[in-house]
Amino acid sequence: MKKLDFLKLLKSKSKIVLPFLGFLAIINGLWSSSLLLLVNNKISGTPLPFFDEYDWLIYLVLTVSSLLISYNFQAYMLKMTLNFGNEMMLEIFDKLRSANYESYLKLGEERVRTTLEDVGVLGSFPDVFLSFFNSFVMIIVGVSYMFWVYPKGALIILFLIVVLGFVYVKRNAVIEKNIDEARSLNDIFMRNVNDFLLGFKKIKMNTNRSESIFHGHIAKNRHNSIKLLTRAQLGDLGNNLIGDYSFYFGIGIILFVLPLLFNVEQTVLSSFLITILFLMGPISIFVDLMDSFIRFKVAINRINEFAEITETSLFTDKNNDSREFPGFDQLKFSNISYEYLDKNNNPAFKLKPINLKINRGEVVFIYGGNGSGKSTFINMLSGLYVPKSGQVYFNNELVTDDNRAAYRNTMTCIFADDYLFSENYDNFDLLPSNDRLTALLSKMALEGKIQQDIANNKILHDLSSGQQKRLALIYSLIEDKEIFVFDEWAAEQDPEFRAYFYKSIIPDLKRIGKTVIAITHDDAYYKYCDRLIKFDYGKMLEDTPKELIA
C-alpha cells in the first residue's frame, strides 16, 4: 500500500484534478467578487465600472457557470474517491492474502477491522473537500474586496481572521489527539468484542471472568472512549461557537472601532458590513468542516501505519505462486525449531529441534499434553509457521519462501478451531447431482441436516460443532490432496463417528496412497496408525513404529 496524504489523494488517480481545481477557483472567485460588487453597487446606487447595463447577465452567467462546474467537479471527485476507496479496501485484503500467518496473528483481526473503517471515513472526502475549497475561495475574495474598498479596515479584519485561525490550529491539535486516542481504544474494543463473541461459552461458565471482561475491559474501554470523544466534540463545539460569534466581533469592529480610529465614509462601512454578512456562510462552513478534516487526517495516518506494518519483509508471503510440486514421496524435517516471543521479545515457549521423515502412504498419530508443542509442529508442517531454524524438504526439495505456497497446496488441513465458510470459495460441485457428495453426506449422517443452495452451488448449514467437523471432513475428501492433516478431529464426535473415522476413513485414505498426520488422544485407536509420535514440553520424545505400538 502506498503512503497517503491529501495532495497524493487528489493526484493519485488523475492529472486533471489540480488544473480543474484552479479553474474552479477562478470561476468561483469571479462569481464571489461579482456578487459582492453588484450587491454593494446596487445598494449604494453606484454603476458598475464596466457593462453596467448588462450587470444582470454577468451575474447570471457567472452563477450558472459556477453551478455547472461545481456539479461536474464534485461528480468527478465522487467517482474518483469511491473508486479510490474501493481499490484501497481491495488492496488491504490482497495484502492480507499475501501475508504470512505469523504476521497476521501479530497484526490482529481488530486492527484490520478498524483500518477498513478508516477507509470508509474517506468516502465523504469529495463533498467535504469541495465545500471546504469553495468556502476558502470565497473568504479570500471577501478579504481581498475589503482591501480594495478600504485597506486599513481590512487589515483589522484580517488580523481578527488570523487570530481566529491560530486559535483553531491550537484547539484542533488537541481535538486530533483525542480522536486518535479514541481510535486506538477502538482497536482494543474490537479485540474485546471478538473475545466476548467467540468465547461466549467460557464467559457463561465463570462469573468472575464475565465481570472482568464486561466491567474491567468493555465498559471501561467505552467509558474512556466516551471521555475522549466528548472532549473532542466539546472542542469542536467551542470552535463552532467561536466562529459564529467572531462575526459579531467583526460587526462590532466595523460599527464602533473603524469610525473611532479612522474617518470612514458611510459607503465603506456599508460595504464592509455586506462583506462580513457575505462571509458568514463560508466561514461557518469552513469551521464546521475542520472536524471532518481532522477525522480524515486521523484515518489517513492510521491507514499509513497499517501500510508501514504490511510493507515489512516479515509480512510478505508469496501466496500466489502458481507452481506445483510433483507427486508426494517424502517429507523431511531437519533440525526444525520454533519459538514464541512475548511483548518484550523474550522467549515464551520453544519447540526444540526436530528431525523426522514422513513417507507417502503413512499414517502418523501425534499425542502429548497441552502446551507440549503438537499444534506448533502442525503449523510448521502445514507451512503456516516458518521454522526459526532448520529445513523442511518435500521430495528432497528444500521448502523456501519461493515455493512455500506450492508446498501448502499439497495438503488439506482440518484444524482444532476449523471454520466453515459461508460461500463455496473452492468451487466444489455441491449440487444434489454429485453422487459422491450425496454418498459422503449419507455416511456422515448429514442428510437432512444441511440445505443445498442449488442456485449458488453451496451448502447452507446450521450445525453442531461435531457436525461442522464432519462437513469439513467431506470438503477435505473432495479436495483430495496428497497429505491430510487432522488436529483433534474426533474430539467432538460421538463414539460411532469416532470409530468410523479411525476404522474406515483413515484406512481408506491409506489404501489409495494418501498420507495422514493426525493429532489425537484416542489411545484405543492407536493401532490404526503406522507411527506414533509423542511431544512433551517442546520436545519430540518418541517416534514409535507400528510393530511396537501396543
Protein backbone atom coordinates (compact mmCIF):
# COMPACT_ATOMS: atom_id res chain seq x y z
CA MET A 1 0.00 0.00 0.00
CA LYS A 2 1.23 3.48 -0.87
CA LYS A 3 1.54 6.17 1.77
CA LEU A 4 -1.25 8.73 1.53
CA ASP A 5 -1.61 12.44 2.08
CA PHE A 6 -4.26 14.91 0.92
CA LEU A 7 -2.30 16.05 -2.12
CA LYS A 8 -1.50 12.49 -3.21
CA LEU A 9 -5.12 11.56 -2.65
CA LEU A 10 -6.05 14.12 -5.28
CA LYS A 11 -3.19 13.42 -7.69
CA SER A 12 -3.04 9.63 -7.38
CA LYS A 13 -5.86 8.86 -9.82
CA SER A 14 -5.98 11.84 -12.15
CA LYS A 15 -3.74 14.52 -13.61
CA ILE A 16 -6.63 16.91 -14.23
CA VAL A 17 -7.73 17.35 -10.61
CA LEU A 18 -5.42 20.23 -9.74
CA PRO A 19 -5.98 22.14 -13.03
CA PHE A 20 -9.72 21.55 -12.53
CA LEU A 21 -9.43 22.99 -9.02
CA GLY A 22 -7.59 26.04 -10.38
CA PHE A 23 -10.27 26.64 -12.99
CA LEU A 24 -12.98 26.21 -10.36
CA ALA A 25 -11.17 28.69 -8.10
CA ILE A 26 -11.10 31.28 -10.91
CA ILE A 27 -14.82 30.84 -11.69
CA ASN A 28 -15.88 30.92 -8.04
CA GLY A 29 -13.57 33.85 -7.40
CA LEU A 30 -15.13 35.81 -10.25
CA TRP A 31 -18.61 34.81 -9.12
CA SER A 32 -18.00 35.81 -5.48
CA SER A 33 -16.32 39.10 -6.33
CA SER A 34 -19.03 39.95 -8.87
CA LEU A 35 -21.71 39.18 -6.30
CA LEU A 36 -20.09 41.49 -3.76
CA LEU A 37 -19.53 44.20 -6.31
CA LEU A 38 -23.06 44.01 -7.70
CA VAL A 39 -24.76 43.99 -4.29
CA ASN A 40 -22.68 46.85 -2.93
CA ASN A 41 -23.06 48.95 -6.07
CA LYS A 42 -26.80 48.31 -6.26
CA ILE A 43 -27.26 49.34 -2.60
CA SER A 44 -25.09 52.44 -2.95
CA GLY A 45 -26.55 53.30 -6.36
CA THR A 46 -23.13 53.35 -7.97
CA PRO A 47 -22.96 51.96 -11.53
CA LEU A 48 -20.52 49.19 -12.40
CA PRO A 49 -17.24 50.35 -13.96
CA PHE A 50 -17.95 48.12 -16.95
CA PHE A 51 -21.02 46.67 -18.73
CA ASP A 52 -23.36 48.35 -16.28
CA GLU A 53 -26.40 47.75 -18.46
CA TYR A 54 -25.64 44.00 -18.53
CA ASP A 55 -24.93 43.55 -14.82
CA TRP A 56 -27.79 41.04 -14.52
CA LEU A 57 -26.37 38.98 -17.40
CA ILE A 58 -22.87 38.95 -15.85
CA TYR A 59 -24.34 37.78 -12.57
CA LEU A 60 -26.46 35.08 -14.24
CA VAL A 61 -23.63 33.73 -16.43
CA LEU A 62 -21.17 33.51 -13.53
CA THR A 63 -23.74 31.88 -11.22
CA VAL A 64 -24.72 29.24 -13.78
CA SER A 65 -21.06 28.63 -14.68
CA SER A 66 -20.15 28.15 -11.02
CA LEU A 67 -23.09 25.78 -10.55
CA LEU A 68 -22.23 23.63 -13.58
CA ILE A 69 -18.51 23.46 -12.88
CA SER A 70 -19.08 22.70 -9.18
CA TYR A 71 -21.51 19.90 -10.04
CA ASN A 72 -19.22 18.31 -12.62
CA PHE A 73 -16.16 18.58 -10.43
CA GLN A 74 -17.97 17.18 -7.40
CA ALA A 75 -19.35 14.30 -9.50
CA TYR A 76 -15.86 13.59 -10.82
CA MET A 77 -14.34 13.70 -7.31
CA LEU A 78 -17.12 11.47 -6.01
CA LYS A 79 -16.42 8.78 -8.61
CA MET A 80 -12.68 9.08 -8.14
CA THR A 81 -12.86 8.81 -4.35
CA LEU A 82 -15.29 5.88 -4.38
CA ASN A 83 -13.02 4.02 -6.79
CA PHE A 84 -10.03 5.01 -4.71
CA GLY A 85 -11.65 3.71 -1.51
CA ASN A 86 -12.70 0.51 -3.24
CA GLU A 87 -9.20 -0.08 -4.60
CA MET A 88 -7.68 0.64 -1.19
CA MET A 89 -10.02 -1.81 0.52
CA LEU A 90 -9.24 -4.50 -2.06
CA GLU A 91 -5.54 -3.72 -1.65
CA ILE A 92 -5.84 -4.32 2.10
CA PHE A 93 -7.39 -7.74 1.54
CA ASP A 94 -4.87 -8.57 -1.17
CA LYS A 95 -2.04 -7.59 1.16
CA LEU A 96 -3.51 -9.74 3.94
CA ARG A 97 -3.95 -12.61 1.49
CA SER A 98 -0.24 -12.41 0.78
CA ALA A 99 0.71 -12.12 4.45
CA ASN A 100 2.37 -14.93 6.31
CA TYR A 101 0.27 -16.39 9.08
CA GLU A 102 2.52 -15.32 11.95
CA SER A 103 2.46 -11.66 10.89
CA TYR A 104 -1.31 -11.77 10.52
CA LEU A 105 -1.65 -13.05 14.09
CA LYS A 106 0.58 -10.26 15.38
CA LEU A 107 -1.36 -7.64 13.45
CA GLY A 108 -4.68 -8.82 14.89
CA GLU A 109 -8.17 -9.02 13.43
CA GLU A 110 -9.26 -5.89 15.27
CA ARG A 111 -6.61 -3.77 13.54
CA VAL A 112 -7.84 -4.97 10.17
CA ARG A 113 -11.45 -4.09 11.01
CA THR A 114 -10.62 -0.57 12.24
CA THR A 115 -8.44 0.06 9.16
CA LEU A 116 -11.40 -0.86 6.94
CA GLU A 117 -13.48 1.63 8.95
CA ASP A 118 -10.80 4.27 8.33
CA VAL A 119 -11.04 3.60 4.59
CA GLY A 120 -14.81 4.11 4.85
CA VAL A 121 -14.25 7.51 6.52
CA LEU A 122 -12.61 8.76 3.33
CA GLY A 123 -15.83 8.12 1.39
CA SER A 124 -17.21 11.58 2.28
CA PHE A 125 -13.98 13.31 1.25
CA PRO A 126 -15.14 14.74 -2.12
CA ASP A 127 -18.19 16.54 -0.76
CA VAL A 128 -16.29 17.87 2.25
CA PHE A 129 -13.30 18.93 0.19
CA LEU A 130 -15.32 20.81 -2.41
CA SER A 131 -17.33 22.69 0.24
CA PHE A 132 -14.11 23.47 2.07
CA PHE A 133 -12.41 24.65 -1.12
CA ASN A 134 -15.33 26.84 -2.22
CA SER A 135 -15.53 28.42 1.23
CA PHE A 136 -11.79 29.10 1.19
CA VAL A 137 -12.02 30.83 -2.22
CA MET A 138 -14.94 32.97 -1.08
CA ILE A 139 -13.10 34.01 2.10
CA ILE A 140 -10.07 35.05 0.03
CA VAL A 141 -12.33 37.01 -2.32
CA GLY A 142 -14.16 38.69 0.56
CA VAL A 143 -10.98 39.78 2.32
CA SER A 144 -9.48 40.96 -0.98
CA TYR A 145 -12.60 43.02 -1.67
CA MET A 146 -12.31 44.71 1.73
CA PHE A 147 -8.68 45.59 0.94
CA TRP A 148 -9.83 47.08 -2.34
CA VAL A 149 -12.52 49.13 -0.59
CA TYR A 150 -10.52 50.26 2.47
CA PRO A 151 -7.07 48.69 3.22
CA LYS A 152 -6.75 49.98 6.81
CA GLY A 153 -10.04 48.47 7.90
CA ALA A 154 -9.28 45.26 6.01
CA LEU A 155 -6.04 44.87 8.00
CA ILE A 156 -8.01 44.86 11.24
CA ILE A 157 -10.47 42.28 9.90
CA LEU A 158 -7.57 40.20 8.55
CA PHE A 159 -5.90 40.36 11.97
CA LEU A 160 -9.09 39.04 13.53
CA ILE A 161 -9.20 36.15 10.99
CA VAL A 162 -5.50 35.31 11.64
CA VAL A 163 -6.05 35.22 15.41
CA LEU A 164 -9.12 33.06 14.86
CA GLY A 165 -7.08 30.69 12.65
CA PHE A 166 -4.31 30.47 15.27
CA VAL A 167 -6.86 29.56 17.95
CA TYR A 168 -8.31 26.89 15.65
CA VAL A 169 -4.90 25.34 14.95
CA LYS A 170 -4.13 25.05 18.66
CA ARG A 171 -7.54 23.69 19.56
CA ASN A 172 -7.61 21.29 16.60
CA ALA A 173 -4.30 19.74 17.69
CA VAL A 174 -5.98 18.76 20.99
CA ILE A 175 -9.11 17.52 19.18
CA GLU A 176 -6.99 15.40 16.80
CA LYS A 177 -5.09 13.88 19.74
CA ASN A 178 -8.33 12.93 21.48
CA ILE A 179 -9.83 11.41 18.33
CA ASP A 180 -6.63 9.45 17.62
CA GLU A 181 -6.59 8.05 21.18
CA ALA A 182 -10.27 7.13 20.83
CA ARG A 183 -9.50 5.24 17.60
CA SER A 184 -6.71 3.36 19.41
CA LEU A 185 -9.20 2.41 22.11
CA ASN A 186 -11.49 1.17 19.36
CA ASP A 187 -8.77 -1.30 18.27
CA ILE A 188 -8.77 -2.72 21.80
CA PHE A 189 -12.57 -2.66 21.93
CA MET A 190 -12.77 -4.76 18.75
CA ARG A 191 -10.40 -7.27 20.34
CA ASN A 192 -12.61 -7.39 23.45
CA VAL A 193 -15.69 -7.86 21.24
CA ASN A 194 -14.03 -10.79 19.46
CA ASP A 195 -13.20 -12.36 22.84
CA PHE A 196 -16.76 -11.83 24.05
CA LEU A 197 -18.48 -13.26 20.97
CA LEU A 198 -16.10 -16.13 20.22
CA GLY A 199 -15.59 -17.06 23.87
CA PHE A 200 -19.20 -16.69 24.99
CA LYS A 201 -19.41 -20.21 26.40
CA LYS A 202 -16.38 -19.62 28.61
CA ILE A 203 -17.80 -16.30 29.76
CA LYS A 204 -21.02 -18.01 30.82
CA MET A 205 -19.02 -20.61 32.75
CA ASN A 206 -17.25 -18.16 35.06
CA THR A 207 -18.85 -15.20 36.87
CA ASN A 208 -15.52 -13.54 37.65
CA ARG A 209 -14.49 -13.81 34.01
CA SER A 210 -17.82 -12.34 32.94
CA GLU A 211 -17.45 -9.44 35.38
CA SER A 212 -13.85 -8.84 34.28
CA ILE A 213 -14.48 -8.76 30.54
CA PHE A 214 -17.54 -6.52 30.91
CA HIS A 215 -16.61 -4.10 33.71
CA GLY A 216 -12.82 -4.28 33.54
CA HIS A 217 -12.47 -4.13 29.78
CA ILE A 218 -15.54 -3.46 27.61
CA ALA A 219 -17.29 -0.93 29.88
CA LYS A 220 -14.01 0.69 30.96
CA ASN A 221 -12.91 0.99 27.35
CA ARG A 222 -16.19 2.56 26.27
CA HIS A 223 -16.19 5.00 29.23
CA ASN A 224 -12.65 6.14 28.37
CA SER A 225 -13.56 6.37 24.70
CA ILE A 226 -16.64 8.48 25.50
CA LYS A 227 -14.50 10.83 27.61
CA LEU A 228 -12.09 11.36 24.72
CA LEU A 229 -14.86 11.76 22.15
CA THR A 230 -16.72 14.14 24.48
CA ARG A 231 -13.60 16.30 24.77
CA ALA A 232 -13.22 16.25 21.01
CA GLN A 233 -16.89 17.11 20.43
CA LEU A 234 -16.79 19.89 23.04
CA GLY A 235 -13.66 21.25 21.39
CA ASP A 236 -15.43 21.17 18.04
CA LEU A 237 -18.48 22.85 19.60
CA GLY A 238 -16.21 25.54 21.02
CA ASN A 239 -14.68 26.09 17.59
CA ASN A 240 -18.11 26.48 16.04
CA LEU A 241 -19.24 28.98 18.68
CA ILE A 242 -16.01 30.95 18.38
CA GLY A 243 -16.51 31.02 14.61
CA ASP A 244 -20.13 32.13 14.91
CA TYR A 245 -19.51 34.84 17.47
CA SER A 246 -16.45 36.12 15.65
CA PHE A 247 -18.90 37.62 13.16
CA TYR A 248 -20.44 39.71 15.92
CA PHE A 249 -16.97 40.89 16.91
CA GLY A 250 -16.34 41.73 13.26
CA ILE A 251 -19.59 43.68 13.04
CA GLY A 252 -18.71 45.45 16.29
CA ILE A 253 -15.31 46.42 14.90
CA ILE A 254 -16.93 47.80 11.73
CA LEU A 255 -19.65 49.71 13.60
CA PHE A 256 -17.65 51.05 16.55
CA VAL A 257 -13.89 50.65 16.08
CA LEU A 258 -13.37 51.77 12.47
CA PRO A 259 -15.29 55.10 12.87
CA LEU A 260 -13.36 55.72 16.09
CA LEU A 261 -9.92 55.08 14.59
CA PHE A 262 -10.44 56.38 11.06
CA ASN A 263 -12.55 58.88 9.22
CA VAL A 264 -14.58 56.27 7.36
CA GLU A 265 -17.30 57.05 4.87
CA GLN A 266 -20.72 55.50 5.32
CA THR A 267 -20.43 53.67 1.98
CA VAL A 268 -17.26 51.96 3.23
CA LEU A 269 -18.96 50.82 6.42
CA SER A 270 -21.88 49.56 4.36
CA SER A 271 -19.57 47.64 2.04
CA PHE A 272 -17.72 46.09 4.99
CA LEU A 273 -20.95 45.03 6.68
CA ILE A 274 -22.27 43.44 3.49
CA THR A 275 -18.95 41.64 3.03
CA ILE A 276 -18.99 40.35 6.61
CA LEU A 277 -22.55 39.09 6.14
CA PHE A 278 -21.41 37.52 2.86
CA LEU A 279 -18.52 35.78 4.66
CA MET A 280 -20.68 34.39 7.48
CA GLY A 281 -21.74 31.40 5.37
CA PRO A 282 -18.29 30.43 4.01
CA ILE A 283 -16.53 30.88 7.37
CA SER A 284 -19.21 28.84 9.17
CA ILE A 285 -18.83 26.06 6.60
CA PHE A 286 -15.04 26.32 6.86
CA VAL A 287 -15.15 25.96 10.65
CA ASP A 288 -17.75 23.17 10.61
CA LEU A 289 -15.66 21.11 8.19
CA MET A 290 -12.50 21.33 10.30
CA ASP A 291 -13.79 18.39 12.36
CA SER A 292 -14.18 16.31 9.19
CA PHE A 293 -10.65 17.14 8.09
CA ILE A 294 -9.32 16.10 11.49
CA ARG A 295 -11.06 12.75 11.11
CA PHE A 296 -9.69 12.41 7.57
CA LYS A 297 -6.20 13.12 8.85
CA VAL A 298 -6.51 10.58 11.68
CA ALA A 299 -7.89 7.98 9.25
CA ILE A 300 -5.09 8.57 6.73
CA ASN A 301 -2.43 8.43 9.48
CA ARG A 302 -3.78 5.11 10.70
CA ILE A 303 -4.03 3.74 7.16
CA ASN A 304 -0.40 4.78 6.65
CA GLU A 305 0.58 3.00 9.88
CA PHE A 306 -1.17 -0.12 8.61
CA ALA A 307 0.63 0.24 5.27
CA GLU A 308 4.01 0.53 7.01
CA ILE A 309 3.34 -2.64 9.01
CA THR A 310 2.23 -4.62 5.97
CA GLU A 311 5.16 -3.43 3.84
CA THR A 312 7.76 -5.08 6.08
CA SER A 313 9.59 -8.13 4.75
CA LEU A 314 8.16 -10.22 7.61
CA PHE A 315 4.67 -9.59 6.28
CA THR A 316 5.36 -10.84 2.77
CA ASP A 317 4.42 -14.32 1.68
CA LYS A 318 4.40 -15.46 -1.95
CA ASN A 319 0.86 -16.71 -1.77
CA ASN A 320 0.19 -16.52 -5.49
CA ASP A 321 2.92 -18.91 -6.59
CA SER A 322 1.25 -20.98 -9.31
CA ARG A 323 3.83 -23.76 -9.46
CA GLU A 324 3.01 -27.26 -8.18
CA PHE A 325 5.12 -29.93 -6.58
CA PRO A 326 5.19 -33.32 -8.30
CA GLY A 327 3.58 -36.36 -6.65
CA PHE A 328 4.44 -36.71 -2.99
CA ASP A 329 7.03 -39.26 -1.79
CA GLN A 330 8.55 -37.97 1.43
CA LEU A 331 8.56 -35.11 3.93
CA LYS A 332 11.81 -34.50 5.80
CA PHE A 333 12.29 -32.18 8.76
CA SER A 334 15.91 -31.44 9.56
CA ASN A 335 16.56 -29.76 12.93
CA ILE A 336 13.48 -27.56 12.66
CA SER A 337 12.65 -25.46 15.72
CA TYR A 338 10.34 -22.64 16.64
CA GLU A 339 9.91 -20.17 19.48
CA TYR A 340 7.23 -17.74 20.62
CA LEU A 341 8.28 -14.34 21.90
CA ASP A 342 6.47 -12.22 24.48
CA LYS A 343 5.84 -8.48 24.16
CA ASN A 344 9.42 -7.78 25.27
CA ASN A 345 10.81 -10.18 22.64
CA ASN A 346 11.82 -12.69 25.30
CA PRO A 347 11.28 -16.42 24.54
CA ALA A 348 7.93 -17.56 25.96
CA PHE A 349 7.93 -21.10 24.51
CA LYS A 350 10.40 -23.00 22.39
CA LEU A 351 9.90 -26.10 20.27
CA LYS A 352 13.26 -27.79 20.33
CA PRO A 353 14.94 -29.14 17.15
CA ILE A 354 13.03 -31.94 15.44
CA ASN A 355 14.36 -34.49 12.96
CA LEU A 356 11.67 -36.54 11.26
CA LYS A 357 10.78 -38.23 7.98
CA ILE A 358 7.22 -39.00 6.84
CA ASN A 359 6.75 -41.18 3.77
CA ARG A 360 3.93 -41.39 1.28
CA GLY A 361 1.04 -43.56 2.47
CA GLU A 362 1.97 -43.43 6.15
CA VAL A 363 -0.50 -42.79 8.93
CA VAL A 364 1.17 -40.80 11.72
CA PHE A 365 -0.53 -40.05 15.02
CA ILE A 366 0.76 -37.32 17.33
CA TYR A 367 -0.08 -37.03 21.01
CA GLY A 368 1.06 -35.13 24.11
CA GLY A 369 -0.20 -32.82 26.82
CA ASN A 370 -1.43 -29.26 26.42
CA GLY A 371 1.43 -26.92 25.60
CA SER A 372 3.68 -29.77 24.54
CA GLY A 373 4.24 -28.35 21.04
CA LYS A 374 1.89 -30.52 18.96
CA SER A 375 -0.04 -27.67 17.33
CA THR A 376 3.13 -25.64 16.81
CA PHE A 377 4.63 -28.58 14.95
CA ILE A 378 1.44 -28.95 12.86
CA ASN A 379 1.63 -25.25 11.97
CA MET A 380 5.22 -25.72 10.80
CA LEU A 381 4.38 -28.93 8.97
CA SER A 382 1.50 -27.22 7.15
CA GLY A 383 3.68 -24.26 6.17
CA LEU A 384 1.77 -21.70 8.25
CA TYR A 385 4.77 -21.16 10.52
CA VAL A 386 8.28 -20.73 9.15
CA PRO A 387 10.84 -22.61 11.29
CA LYS A 388 13.23 -20.34 13.18
CA SER A 389 15.99 -22.79 12.34
CA GLY A 390 16.39 -25.98 10.30
CA GLN A 391 14.99 -27.04 6.95
CA VAL A 392 11.89 -28.72 5.54
CA TYR A 393 12.25 -30.88 2.43
CA PHE A 394 9.46 -32.03 0.13
CA ASN A 395 10.70 -34.90 -2.05
CA ASN A 396 14.27 -33.78 -1.24
CA GLU A 397 13.50 -30.24 -2.47
CA LEU A 398 14.10 -27.52 0.11
CA VAL A 399 10.96 -25.60 1.05
CA THR A 400 11.67 -21.86 0.84
CA ASP A 401 9.71 -18.63 0.65
CA ASP A 402 9.59 -19.08 -3.12
CA ASN A 403 7.79 -22.43 -3.06
CA ARG A 404 6.06 -22.42 0.34
CA ALA A 405 2.66 -21.73 -1.23
CA ALA A 406 3.10 -24.71 -3.56
CA TYR A 407 4.11 -26.78 -0.52
CA ARG A 408 0.93 -25.78 1.35
CA ASN A 409 -1.13 -26.67 -1.71
CA THR A 410 -0.15 -30.33 -1.30
CA MET A 411 -2.13 -30.56 1.95
CA THR A 412 -5.65 -30.33 3.22
CA CYS A 413 -6.00 -29.46 6.90
CA ILE A 414 -8.78 -29.53 9.46
CA PHE A 415 -7.57 -27.51 12.45
CA ALA A 416 -8.85 -27.71 16.00
CA ASP A 417 -10.54 -24.31 15.52
CA ASP A 418 -11.63 -25.07 11.96
CA TYR A 419 -14.02 -22.68 10.24
CA LEU A 420 -16.70 -23.39 7.65
CA PHE A 421 -17.02 -20.67 5.02
CA SER A 422 -20.42 -19.26 4.14
CA GLU A 423 -19.61 -19.42 0.40
CA ASN A 424 -18.21 -22.15 -1.86
CA TYR A 425 -14.81 -20.49 -2.39
CA ASP A 426 -13.26 -23.78 -3.55
CA ASN A 427 -15.80 -24.10 -6.37
CA PHE A 428 -16.64 -27.67 -5.39
CA ASP A 429 -19.57 -29.42 -7.03
CA LEU A 430 -22.03 -29.22 -4.11
CA LEU A 431 -25.17 -29.95 -6.09
CA PRO A 432 -27.53 -32.88 -5.40
CA SER A 433 -26.44 -34.38 -8.73
CA ASN A 434 -22.97 -35.07 -7.31
CA ASP A 435 -23.27 -38.75 -6.35
CA ARG A 436 -20.02 -38.76 -4.37
CA LEU A 437 -21.14 -35.79 -2.29
CA THR A 438 -24.50 -37.45 -1.68
CA ALA A 439 -22.75 -40.65 -0.54
CA LEU A 440 -20.44 -38.74 1.81
CA LEU A 441 -23.34 -36.78 3.33
CA SER A 442 -25.10 -40.08 3.95
CA LYS A 443 -22.03 -41.66 5.56
CA MET A 444 -21.59 -38.62 7.80
CA ALA A 445 -25.29 -38.61 8.76
CA LEU A 446 -25.71 -35.10 7.42
CA GLU A 447 -28.59 -35.77 5.04
CA GLY A 448 -31.49 -33.65 6.19
CA LYS A 449 -29.16 -31.64 8.42
CA ILE A 450 -27.93 -29.36 5.67
CA GLN A 451 -29.67 -27.50 2.87
CA GLN A 452 -28.16 -27.35 -0.61
CA ASP A 453 -28.45 -23.97 -2.33
CA ILE A 454 -28.66 -25.10 -5.96
CA ALA A 455 -28.70 -21.60 -7.43
CA ASN A 456 -25.40 -20.64 -5.78
CA ASN A 457 -23.82 -24.12 -5.62
CA LYS A 458 -23.25 -24.06 -1.88
CA ILE A 459 -24.37 -25.75 1.32
CA LEU A 460 -26.33 -23.85 3.96
CA HIS A 461 -25.64 -25.18 7.42
CA ASP A 462 -26.74 -24.65 10.99
CA LEU A 463 -24.84 -27.49 12.64
CA SER A 464 -23.38 -28.56 15.95
CA SER A 465 -19.59 -28.42 16.34
CA GLY A 466 -19.29 -32.16 15.71
CA GLN A 467 -21.46 -31.94 12.58
CA GLN A 468 -19.40 -28.98 11.35
CA LYS A 469 -16.24 -31.07 11.68
CA ARG A 470 -17.90 -33.86 9.67
CA LEU A 471 -18.85 -31.41 6.91
CA ALA A 472 -15.28 -30.07 6.99
CA LEU A 473 -14.06 -33.64 6.53
CA ILE A 474 -16.31 -34.04 3.50
CA TYR A 475 -14.77 -30.90 1.99
CA SER A 476 -11.27 -32.28 2.69
CA LEU A 477 -12.11 -35.59 1.00
CA ILE A 478 -13.48 -33.71 -2.03
CA GLU A 479 -10.33 -31.55 -2.09
CA ASP A 480 -8.33 -34.79 -2.41
CA LYS A 481 -4.80 -33.58 -1.65
CA GLU A 482 -1.70 -35.75 -1.16
CA ILE A 483 -1.45 -35.11 2.59
CA PHE A 484 -4.32 -34.98 5.11
CA VAL A 485 -3.72 -33.17 8.41
CA PHE A 486 -6.21 -33.52 11.25
CA ASP A 487 -5.92 -31.65 14.55
CA GLU A 488 -8.14 -33.41 17.11
CA TRP A 489 -10.84 -34.07 14.51
CA ALA A 490 -12.50 -36.83 16.52
CA ALA A 491 -12.55 -34.93 19.84
CA GLU A 492 -16.11 -33.65 19.31
CA GLN A 493 -17.57 -36.78 17.67
CA ASP A 494 -19.81 -39.35 19.27
CA PRO A 495 -18.41 -42.91 19.66
CA GLU A 496 -19.96 -44.07 16.38
CA PHE A 497 -18.27 -41.47 14.22
CA ARG A 498 -15.06 -41.60 16.22
CA ALA A 499 -14.80 -45.32 15.42
CA TYR A 500 -15.80 -44.68 11.79
CA PHE A 501 -13.02 -42.09 11.45
CA TYR A 502 -10.26 -44.41 12.70
CA LYS A 503 -11.54 -47.73 11.33
CA SER A 504 -12.82 -46.65 7.92
CA ILE A 505 -11.84 -43.17 6.75
CA ILE A 506 -8.15 -43.29 7.68
CA PRO A 507 -7.60 -46.85 6.30
CA ASP A 508 -9.41 -45.84 3.08
CA LEU A 509 -7.08 -42.85 2.67
CA LYS A 510 -4.06 -45.06 3.32
CA ARG A 511 -5.26 -47.63 0.80
CA ILE A 512 -5.29 -45.06 -2.02
CA GLY A 513 -1.80 -43.81 -1.12
CA LYS A 514 -2.70 -40.74 0.90
CA THR A 515 -0.61 -39.62 3.87
CA VAL A 516 -2.43 -38.89 7.14
CA ILE A 517 -0.98 -36.88 10.02
CA ALA A 518 -3.33 -36.52 12.97
CA ILE A 519 -3.17 -35.12 16.47
CA THR A 520 -5.19 -37.45 18.68
CA HIS A 521 -5.52 -38.66 22.28
CA ASP A 522 -7.74 -41.62 21.40
CA ASP A 523 -5.27 -44.27 22.56
CA ALA A 524 -7.81 -47.03 21.90
CA TYR A 525 -7.29 -46.39 18.17
CA TYR A 526 -3.51 -46.02 18.11
CA LYS A 527 -3.30 -49.43 16.45
CA TYR A 528 -4.65 -47.88 13.25
CA CYS A 529 -1.54 -45.75 12.71
CA ASP A 530 1.86 -46.70 11.31
CA ARG A 531 3.79 -44.47 13.68
CA LEU A 532 3.07 -42.80 17.00
CA ILE A 533 4.90 -39.60 17.95
CA LYS A 534 4.89 -38.09 21.42
CA PHE A 535 5.55 -34.43 22.29
CA ASP A 536 6.30 -33.17 25.78
CA TYR A 537 7.39 -29.69 26.94
CA GLY A 538 8.51 -28.60 23.49
CA LYS A 539 10.37 -31.82 22.65
CA MET A 540 9.60 -34.68 20.33
CA LEU A 541 10.28 -37.59 22.69
CA GLU A 542 9.29 -40.74 20.82
CA ASP A 543 8.74 -41.98 17.28
CA THR A 544 7.24 -45.42 17.74
CA PRO A 545 6.80 -47.68 14.67
CA LYS A 546 3.66 -49.77 14.12
CA GLU A 547 5.16 -53.07 15.23
CA LEU A 548 5.88 -51.65 18.70
CA ILE A 549 2.50 -49.98 19.24
CA ALA A 550 0.54 -51.94 21.81
